[in-house]
Protein backbone atom coordinates (compact mmCIF):
# COMPACT_ATOMS: atom_id res chain seq x y z
CA MET A 1 -0.06 0.01 -0.03
CA GLN A 2 2.78 2.36 0.85
CA GLN A 3 4.61 1.46 -2.30
CA ARG A 4 1.45 2.27 -4.28
CA LEU A 5 1.07 5.51 -2.60
CA GLY A 6 4.69 6.33 -3.23
CA ARG A 7 4.31 5.62 -6.91
CA THR A 8 1.14 7.67 -7.06
CA ALA A 9 2.90 10.61 -5.36
CA VAL A 10 5.73 10.41 -7.92
CA LEU A 11 3.40 10.36 -10.86
CA LEU A 12 1.36 13.26 -9.40
CA PHE A 13 4.66 15.24 -8.97
CA VAL A 14 5.89 14.43 -12.51
CA GLY A 15 2.48 15.24 -13.97
CA ALA A 16 2.34 18.49 -12.10
CA PHE A 17 5.88 19.27 -13.28
CA PHE A 18 5.01 18.89 -16.98
CA THR A 19 1.65 20.56 -16.62
CA ALA A 20 3.49 23.64 -15.19
CA VAL A 21 5.59 23.96 -18.33
CA PRO A 22 3.87 26.41 -20.78
CA ALA A 23 2.62 24.65 -23.94
CA GLY A 24 4.61 27.12 -26.08
CA ALA A 25 7.78 26.31 -24.32
CA GLN A 26 8.36 23.05 -26.29
CA ALA A 27 9.53 24.13 -29.74
CA ASN A 28 7.02 23.18 -32.50
CA PHE A 29 9.05 22.54 -35.67
CA SER A 30 5.99 21.63 -37.75
CA THR A 31 6.77 24.59 -39.90
CA TYR A 32 10.24 25.94 -39.47
CA VAL A 33 11.60 29.04 -41.24
CA ALA A 34 15.18 30.26 -41.11
CA PHE A 35 15.88 33.95 -41.86
CA GLY A 36 19.45 35.20 -42.45
CA ASP A 37 22.47 35.52 -44.75
CA SER A 38 25.14 33.27 -46.00
CA LEU A 39 25.73 31.89 -42.52
CA THR A 40 22.16 30.61 -42.54
CA ALA A 41 22.25 29.48 -46.10
CA GLY A 42 25.07 27.11 -45.48
CA PHE A 43 27.60 29.03 -47.69
CA SER A 44 31.04 27.38 -47.44
CA ASN A 45 34.33 27.44 -49.17
CA GLY A 46 33.27 30.66 -51.04
CA SER A 47 30.18 28.89 -52.64
CA LEU A 48 26.51 28.14 -52.33
CA VAL A 49 26.32 24.44 -53.18
CA GLU A 50 24.22 21.47 -52.29
CA THR A 51 26.77 19.42 -50.49
CA HIS A 52 27.15 22.15 -47.85
CA GLN A 53 23.63 23.40 -47.92
CA ARG A 54 22.48 20.06 -46.74
CA VAL A 55 24.44 20.57 -43.56
CA SER A 56 23.52 24.28 -43.01
CA TYR A 57 22.63 24.87 -39.42
CA PRO A 58 18.90 25.22 -40.13
CA ALA A 59 18.84 22.07 -42.09
CA LEU A 60 20.59 20.25 -39.12
CA LEU A 61 18.11 21.68 -36.82
CA ALA A 62 15.22 20.55 -39.06
CA ARG A 63 16.66 17.14 -39.30
CA GLN A 64 17.06 16.82 -35.48
CA ALA A 65 13.43 17.96 -35.13
CA GLY A 66 12.24 15.25 -37.50
CA VAL A 67 11.04 17.86 -40.11
CA THR A 68 10.66 16.18 -43.48
CA ALA A 69 9.51 19.23 -45.56
CA PHE A 70 12.38 21.66 -44.97
CA GLU A 71 12.95 23.12 -48.42
CA GLN A 72 16.20 25.02 -49.35
CA PRO A 73 17.32 26.60 -52.71
CA LEU A 74 19.83 23.91 -53.59
CA VAL A 75 22.54 24.38 -56.17
CA SER A 76 24.34 21.72 -58.00
CA GLN A 77 28.11 21.22 -58.24
CA PRO A 78 30.49 23.12 -58.55
CA GLY A 79 28.28 25.78 -56.78
CA ILE A 80 27.62 29.36 -57.28
CA PRO A 81 30.35 30.72 -57.43
CA ALA A 82 32.49 27.62 -58.14
CA GLU A 83 33.55 26.18 -54.71
CA LEU A 84 37.04 26.87 -53.60
CA THR A 85 39.36 23.85 -53.05
CA LEU A 86 42.87 23.09 -52.00
CA VAL A 87 44.56 22.72 -55.32
CA THR A 88 48.01 21.77 -54.01
CA LEU A 89 49.30 20.85 -50.50
CA ILE A 90 52.85 22.07 -50.94
CA PRO A 91 52.71 24.94 -51.31
CA PRO A 92 49.10 25.21 -50.18
CA VAL A 93 47.14 26.86 -53.05
CA VAL A 94 43.34 27.56 -52.76
CA SER A 95 41.37 28.34 -55.86
CA ALA A 96 38.07 27.47 -57.52
CA LYS A 97 37.51 23.91 -58.42
CA ALA A 98 35.96 24.76 -61.78
CA THR A 99 35.52 27.62 -64.29
CA ASN A 100 31.80 27.01 -64.64
CA GLN A 101 29.00 27.45 -62.04
CA GLY A 102 26.29 25.17 -60.78
CA ALA A 103 22.62 25.36 -61.38
CA ALA A 104 19.62 25.96 -59.23
CA LEU A 105 17.72 22.72 -58.50
CA ARG A 106 14.58 23.86 -56.84
CA LEU A 107 13.46 27.03 -58.79
CA ASP A 108 10.16 25.29 -59.49
CA LEU A 109 9.12 24.97 -55.87
CA PRO A 110 5.65 26.55 -55.79
CA ARG A 111 5.99 27.92 -52.34
CA PRO A 112 8.64 29.89 -50.52
CA TYR A 113 11.72 28.04 -49.26
CA ASN A 114 12.03 27.22 -45.50
CA ASN A 115 15.65 28.37 -45.50
CA LEU A 116 15.59 31.99 -46.53
CA GLY A 117 19.20 32.76 -45.79
CA VAL A 118 20.38 34.85 -48.71
CA PRO A 119 24.32 35.31 -49.19
CA GLY A 120 25.17 38.95 -49.04
CA ALA A 121 21.84 40.04 -47.48
CA ARG A 122 21.95 42.72 -44.78
CA VAL A 123 19.26 43.30 -42.19
CA VAL A 124 17.43 45.93 -44.31
CA ASP A 125 17.29 43.47 -47.15
CA LEU A 126 14.84 41.16 -45.25
CA LEU A 127 12.48 44.16 -45.31
CA THR A 128 13.08 45.60 -48.75
CA ARG A 129 14.92 43.45 -51.24
CA VAL A 130 12.92 41.43 -53.75
CA SER A 131 15.66 40.62 -56.27
CA ASP A 132 19.22 41.54 -57.08
CA ALA A 133 18.32 44.65 -59.11
CA THR A 134 15.34 46.18 -57.21
CA THR A 135 13.84 46.67 -53.82
CA THR A 136 10.14 47.25 -52.87
CA SER A 137 11.07 51.01 -52.40
CA GLY A 138 12.56 51.12 -55.81
CA THR A 139 15.83 52.50 -54.67
CA GLY A 140 18.00 49.69 -56.19
CA GLY A 141 19.60 46.83 -54.71
CA GLY A 142 22.99 46.71 -56.40
CA SER A 143 24.49 43.87 -58.48
CA GLY A 144 25.89 40.56 -57.48
CA PRO A 145 25.92 36.87 -58.44
CA GLY A 146 22.18 36.58 -58.26
CA PHE A 147 21.49 35.21 -54.84
CA HIS A 148 18.40 37.16 -54.17
CA ASP A 149 16.88 36.14 -57.55
CA LEU A 150 17.94 32.55 -56.91
CA ILE A 151 16.28 32.44 -53.41
CA LEU A 152 13.39 34.90 -53.57
CA ARG A 153 12.48 34.25 -57.18
CA GLY A 154 10.60 37.57 -57.51
CA LYS A 155 7.90 36.39 -55.06
CA GLY A 156 8.38 39.24 -52.44
CA THR A 157 10.86 39.98 -49.70
CA ALA A 158 12.37 37.25 -47.56
CA LEU A 159 10.45 38.35 -44.56
CA ALA A 160 7.13 38.37 -46.34
CA GLN A 161 7.70 34.95 -47.97
CA GLY A 162 8.72 33.41 -44.62
CA ILE A 163 5.78 34.70 -42.72
CA SER A 164 3.36 33.65 -45.37
CA LEU A 165 4.31 30.08 -44.53
CA LYS A 166 2.77 30.67 -41.06
CA PRO A 167 5.84 29.30 -39.29
CA THR A 168 5.71 27.76 -35.80
CA THR A 169 9.41 28.04 -35.21
CA ILE A 170 11.74 30.77 -36.51
CA THR A 171 15.51 31.29 -36.32
CA LEU A 172 17.03 34.67 -37.09
CA TRP A 173 20.73 35.14 -37.75
CA ILE A 174 21.31 38.37 -39.66
CA GLY A 175 23.69 41.33 -39.55
CA ASN A 176 27.04 39.84 -40.60
CA ASN A 177 26.97 41.45 -43.90
CA ASP A 178 26.47 44.81 -42.25
CA VAL A 179 30.00 44.63 -41.30
CA LEU A 180 31.68 41.99 -43.30
CA ALA A 181 32.36 44.18 -46.41
CA ALA A 182 34.82 46.16 -44.13
CA ALA A 183 36.96 43.16 -43.77
CA VAL A 184 36.62 41.99 -47.43
CA ALA A 185 37.36 45.39 -48.91
CA GLY A 186 39.94 46.36 -46.19
CA ARG A 187 38.10 49.67 -45.51
CA ALA A 188 35.92 50.63 -42.63
CA ILE A 189 33.79 53.29 -43.97
CA ASP A 190 30.28 54.17 -42.54
CA GLY A 191 27.61 53.88 -45.19
CA VAL A 192 29.89 52.11 -47.58
CA THR A 193 31.33 49.13 -45.98
CA LEU A 194 29.44 49.61 -42.63
CA THR A 195 25.74 49.98 -42.09
CA PRO A 196 25.01 53.08 -40.16
CA LEU A 197 24.11 52.23 -36.58
CA ALA A 198 20.74 53.92 -36.68
CA THR A 199 19.79 52.16 -39.95
CA PHE A 200 20.73 48.80 -38.50
CA GLN A 201 18.78 49.47 -35.29
CA ALA A 202 15.65 50.55 -37.13
CA SER A 203 15.82 47.70 -39.65
CA TYR A 204 16.31 45.00 -36.88
CA GLN A 205 13.52 46.43 -34.85
CA SER A 206 11.17 46.24 -37.79
CA VAL A 207 12.20 42.62 -38.47
CA VAL A 208 11.71 41.49 -34.94
CA ASP A 209 8.31 43.27 -34.76
CA ALA A 210 7.24 41.41 -37.97
CA LEU A 211 8.35 38.09 -36.63
CA LYS A 212 6.65 38.61 -33.25
CA GLY A 213 3.48 39.19 -35.12
CA SER A 214 3.82 36.08 -37.27
CA GLY A 215 2.16 33.81 -34.70
CA ALA A 216 5.30 31.74 -34.30
CA THR A 217 5.52 30.03 -30.88
CA THR A 218 9.35 29.76 -30.89
CA ILE A 219 11.77 32.45 -32.15
CA VAL A 220 15.54 32.18 -31.61
CA ALA A 221 18.03 34.77 -32.78
CA ALA A 222 21.86 34.85 -32.92
CA ASN A 223 24.30 37.69 -32.74
CA ILE A 224 27.14 38.46 -35.14
CA PRO A 225 30.83 37.39 -35.11
CA ASP A 226 33.68 39.75 -34.74
CA VAL A 227 35.03 39.77 -38.41
CA THR A 228 38.45 40.82 -37.19
CA THR A 229 38.96 37.33 -35.63
CA ILE A 230 38.18 35.23 -38.72
CA PRO A 231 41.05 33.56 -40.70
CA PHE A 232 40.45 35.77 -43.75
CA VAL A 233 42.20 38.54 -41.63
CA THR A 234 44.34 36.67 -39.12
CA THR A 235 46.17 34.18 -41.20
CA ILE A 236 48.92 36.34 -42.74
CA ARG A 237 51.15 38.14 -40.19
CA PRO A 238 52.23 41.77 -40.87
CA ILE A 239 55.83 40.57 -40.92
CA VAL A 240 58.14 38.93 -43.42
CA VAL A 241 58.09 35.15 -43.08
CA SER A 242 59.79 32.36 -44.87
CA PRO A 243 57.36 31.21 -47.72
CA THR A 244 58.28 27.56 -47.12
CA THR A 245 58.17 27.26 -43.36
CA GLY A 246 56.15 30.26 -42.23
CA ALA A 247 58.83 31.18 -39.68
CA PRO A 248 59.62 34.87 -39.24
CA VAL A 249 62.68 36.21 -41.11
CA LEU A 250 64.99 37.89 -38.60
CA VAL A 251 67.43 40.63 -39.22
CA ASN A 252 69.74 41.38 -36.29
CA GLY A 253 67.44 39.20 -34.21
CA GLN A 254 64.37 41.33 -35.06
CA THR A 255 61.37 40.58 -37.27
CA VAL A 256 60.86 42.62 -40.36
CA PRO A 257 57.37 44.24 -40.96
CA LEU A 258 55.66 43.98 -44.27
CA LEU A 259 55.37 47.20 -46.33
CA GLY A 260 52.00 48.96 -46.54
CA PRO A 261 51.00 51.92 -48.45
CA ASN A 262 52.56 54.29 -46.00
CA GLY A 263 55.71 52.26 -45.18
CA PRO A 264 56.32 49.39 -42.61
CA LEU A 265 53.14 48.01 -41.04
CA PRO A 266 52.57 48.39 -37.37
CA ALA A 267 52.77 45.19 -35.42
CA ASN A 268 49.07 44.87 -34.72
CA SER A 269 47.92 45.49 -38.37
CA LEU A 270 45.71 42.80 -40.06
CA VAL A 271 46.59 41.58 -43.51
CA THR A 272 43.82 39.80 -45.33
CA LEU A 273 44.19 36.67 -47.56
CA ALA A 274 43.73 38.96 -50.52
CA ALA A 275 47.35 39.89 -50.05
CA SER A 276 48.54 36.31 -50.66
CA PRO A 277 48.99 36.61 -54.53
CA LEU A 278 50.80 40.07 -54.07
CA LEU A 279 53.17 38.51 -51.40
CA LEU A 280 53.97 35.70 -53.78
CA LYS A 281 55.03 38.29 -56.35
CA GLY A 282 57.28 39.98 -53.80
CA ASP A 283 54.99 42.96 -53.09
CA GLY A 284 55.01 44.12 -49.43
CA ILE A 285 58.59 42.78 -48.94
CA PRO A 286 61.73 44.97 -48.83
CA THR A 287 64.11 44.72 -51.68
CA ALA A 288 66.96 43.75 -49.14
CA LEU A 289 65.01 40.61 -48.53
CA GLY A 290 64.32 39.75 -52.22
CA GLY A 291 60.98 41.57 -52.55
CA THR A 292 59.86 44.36 -55.00
CA GLY A 293 59.91 46.93 -52.21
CA ARG A 294 56.33 48.01 -53.35
CA GLY A 295 53.83 48.43 -50.48
CA LEU A 296 50.76 46.34 -50.18
CA PRO A 297 47.67 48.36 -51.17
CA ASP A 298 45.21 49.49 -48.58
CA GLU A 299 42.47 47.21 -49.58
CA VAL A 300 44.24 44.19 -48.22
CA ILE A 301 45.13 45.75 -44.95
CA LEU A 302 43.16 46.72 -41.86
CA ASP A 303 45.02 49.38 -39.95
CA LEU A 304 44.72 49.91 -36.18
CA ASN A 305 42.04 52.69 -36.62
CA GLU A 306 39.93 50.38 -39.02
CA ILE A 307 40.23 47.42 -36.64
CA ALA A 308 38.96 49.53 -33.68
CA VAL A 309 36.12 50.91 -35.79
CA ILE A 310 35.02 47.42 -36.95
CA ARG A 311 35.14 45.89 -33.43
CA GLU A 312 33.22 48.76 -31.99
CA ARG A 313 30.63 48.54 -34.65
CA VAL A 314 30.19 44.67 -34.02
CA GLY A 315 29.79 45.39 -30.27
CA GLN A 316 27.15 48.15 -31.18
CA TYR A 317 25.20 45.86 -33.45
CA ASN A 318 25.25 42.97 -30.95
CA GLN A 319 24.03 45.36 -28.24
CA VAL A 320 21.17 46.39 -30.52
CA ILE A 321 20.31 42.70 -31.02
CA ALA A 322 20.49 42.01 -27.36
CA THR A 323 18.35 44.95 -26.40
CA ILE A 324 15.64 44.36 -29.03
CA CYS A 325 15.43 40.67 -28.54
CA GLN A 326 15.34 40.93 -24.79
CA ALA A 327 12.36 43.40 -24.95
CA ALA A 328 10.63 40.94 -27.34
CA GLY A 329 11.33 37.86 -25.15
CA ILE A 330 13.55 36.29 -27.76
CA PRO A 331 16.58 34.27 -26.64
CA VAL A 332 19.89 35.21 -28.45
CA LEU A 333 22.62 32.67 -29.19
CA ASP A 334 25.97 34.19 -28.47
CA VAL A 335 27.81 33.15 -31.57
CA ASN A 336 30.26 35.87 -31.16
CA GLY A 337 31.25 34.64 -27.79
CA PHE A 338 31.43 31.12 -29.04
CA LEU A 339 33.69 31.91 -32.03
CA THR A 340 35.84 34.24 -29.96
CA ASP A 341 36.44 31.62 -27.32
CA VAL A 342 37.40 29.15 -30.10
CA ALA A 343 39.78 31.62 -31.55
CA VAL A 344 41.44 32.22 -28.15
CA ASN A 345 41.18 28.83 -26.53
CA GLY A 346 40.36 26.35 -29.29
CA ARG A 347 37.85 23.49 -28.69
CA MET A 348 38.43 19.94 -27.96
CA VAL A 349 35.82 17.71 -29.63
CA GLY A 350 35.93 13.95 -29.53
CA GLY A 351 39.57 14.06 -28.76
CA VAL A 352 40.28 16.39 -31.75
CA SER A 353 41.70 19.88 -31.17
CA LEU A 354 39.79 22.51 -33.24
CA THR A 355 40.88 26.07 -33.69
CA SER A 356 40.05 29.04 -35.92
CA ALA A 357 43.38 28.61 -37.90
CA TYR A 358 43.10 28.67 -41.60
CA LEU A 359 43.34 25.36 -43.31
CA SER A 360 44.49 23.52 -40.20
CA GLY A 361 41.76 24.53 -37.68
CA GLY A 362 38.91 22.47 -38.98
CA LEU A 363 36.22 25.04 -38.24
CA PHE A 364 36.58 27.63 -41.21
CA GLY A 365 36.45 26.75 -44.90
CA TYR A 366 38.76 27.75 -47.75
CA ASP A 367 37.34 31.26 -47.95
CA GLY A 368 38.55 32.03 -44.49
CA ILE A 369 35.21 33.44 -43.53
CA HIS A 370 32.52 30.79 -43.51
CA PRO A 371 32.39 27.66 -41.39
CA THR A 372 33.01 24.10 -42.59
CA ASP A 373 30.43 21.45 -42.24
CA LEU A 374 31.88 20.64 -38.84
CA GLY A 375 31.65 24.34 -37.87
CA TYR A 376 27.95 24.51 -38.88
CA ALA A 377 27.22 21.39 -36.85
CA LEU A 378 28.82 22.89 -33.83
CA ILE A 379 26.67 26.01 -34.26
CA ALA A 380 23.57 23.88 -34.71
CA ASN A 381 24.37 22.06 -31.40
CA GLU A 382 24.88 25.51 -29.70
CA SER A 383 21.30 26.42 -30.98
CA ILE A 384 19.91 23.06 -29.88
CA ARG A 385 21.20 23.68 -26.37
CA LEU A 386 19.60 27.05 -26.25
CA ILE A 387 16.34 25.83 -27.51
CA ASN A 388 16.41 22.81 -25.13
CA ALA A 389 17.05 25.13 -22.23
CA ARG A 390 13.72 26.77 -22.95
CA GLY A 391 11.69 23.45 -23.24
CA GLY A 392 12.84 21.97 -26.47
CA GLN A 393 13.59 18.24 -26.73
CA LEU A 394 16.04 18.03 -29.58
CA GLU A 395 18.90 15.54 -29.71
CA GLU A 396 22.23 17.08 -30.52
CA VAL A 397 23.83 16.42 -33.95
CA ASN A 398 26.21 13.59 -33.91
CA LEU A 399 29.64 15.09 -34.78
CA GLY A 400 31.22 11.78 -35.52
CA PRO A 401 30.82 12.07 -39.36
CA TYR A 402 32.27 15.60 -39.38
CA LEU A 403 35.35 14.51 -37.43
CA GLY A 404 36.19 11.61 -39.73
CA VAL A 405 34.78 8.91 -37.53
CA THR A 406 32.50 7.88 -40.45
CA PRO A 407 34.40 8.79 -43.67
CA THR A 408 32.79 11.54 -45.73
CA PRO A 409 34.20 13.76 -48.35
CA ALA A 410 33.93 16.78 -46.08
CA ALA A 411 35.60 15.11 -43.08
CA SER A 412 38.35 13.74 -45.47
CA ALA A 413 38.98 17.30 -46.69
CA ALA A 414 39.01 18.68 -43.28
CA SER A 415 41.43 15.98 -42.07
CA SER A 416 43.74 16.81 -45.06
CA ALA A 417 43.56 20.44 -44.43
CA ARG A 418 44.58 19.94 -40.73
CA GLY A 419 47.61 18.10 -41.87
CA VAL A 420 48.95 20.88 -44.15
CA VAL A 421 51.03 22.80 -41.75
CA ALA A 422 52.24 21.80 -38.32
CA GLY A 423 51.41 24.26 -35.72
CA GLY A 424 48.30 25.54 -37.32
CA ARG A 425 49.66 28.33 -39.66
CA ALA A 426 49.85 28.08 -43.35
CA PRO A 427 52.94 29.80 -44.77
CA TRP A 428 52.00 32.37 -47.51
CA THR A 429 49.00 30.37 -48.70
CA ALA A 430 48.21 31.18 -52.29
CA PHE A 431 44.67 32.44 -51.91
CA THR A 432 44.33 33.42 -55.56
CA ALA A 433 43.21 36.65 -57.05
CA GLU A 434 40.21 34.84 -58.62
CA ALA A 435 39.12 33.50 -55.23
CA TYR A 436 39.25 37.01 -53.86
CA ASP A 437 37.29 38.48 -56.87
CA ALA A 438 34.55 35.87 -56.35
CA LEU A 439 34.22 36.92 -52.68
CA LYS A 440 34.07 40.60 -53.52
CA ALA A 441 31.25 39.86 -56.04
CA ALA A 442 29.40 37.76 -53.38
CA PHE A 443 29.67 40.32 -50.66
CA PRO A 444 29.67 43.75 -52.32
CA LEU A 445 29.82 47.28 -50.84
CA LEU A 446 26.70 48.74 -49.48
CA ARG A 447 26.47 51.07 -52.48
């Protein structure tokens, strides 16, 4: 009798516990829509391509939630633009795998895609952009490789299309392109490579207001990474190094700074991967060390002032995201904190040490900007933890296949890349001019 009473008490307690959880707390993924930019689209290795789109973080969330009708604007090999690859190991040369581009595979889908991440999109584009040539206000949206045409297909803005699906769960990760152009172009100019703060705030508020009015029971946002910590701007040191070993060249026991447009570069300058083909020709290197003596151009360098401006703007954007989302009751995934921690401390996963180092770190792809499949899987798991902390019941993504436990092309490529250079630094990687041109086309200036 006492045992029956004890079991009854336990059952009543458990029942009361679950009854106390609000019905909306458990994420309902029956209709899941993801809004964002290239980081949402699954853009990797400088390309939008099916092999990586299928492991975009929204696709992984949908898979873990058992969603069977999560549609994405898939692109066939070799992608748009053609995916970058490691052409040779010694020396490490990164270039496009093909001269042609892939083709859209789902243009005939009669409804909007569930993944509405558009590479190159800024916050305001969710509200106004309907194609690559026009916006709803008629002010013009600039040119590019056609990502808005490919994904929006002239059916309205991303925001309007997503809301028309009557989503039950929404993820929002937007804002990276409001600052990324400053890193890609090597210039931090308000209104040109940086979205003015007031514009960002007003646009983000309008997006959140629309999402709150959509009827979705679960909305999760994410903040934006500090683009001064990504491999595109941290790989090449502002000093002369041996092109074969990556070791600093010493003169009288001292390192020798690379040459910039105004002479020797200060120690804390950032040199982007776009400088790679110039360095291989001898530019940026003093004649006494066998170089041309010509300074590297400003567009491949972030000086100390530009670095400070970019970091301040990232902080301001993320404060806007935090403030607006807190007022709306929307949890925010701290992707910036996650990636900053990885950059500083690395991350041990399944006995494998992962870092943000270019080629050897395992988390960033060949463009030095976007994650690898493994990187996206880790971000998906961070999202799942945030969702589960608020009542969700999703299992985390099994990272085994992305770590090479189960052989896959992506895992094999990551393993090969990690073995390129001992110590995690690639000496004078030949990131080709063609690769840089493709990035600039995909992520153009604001005007």
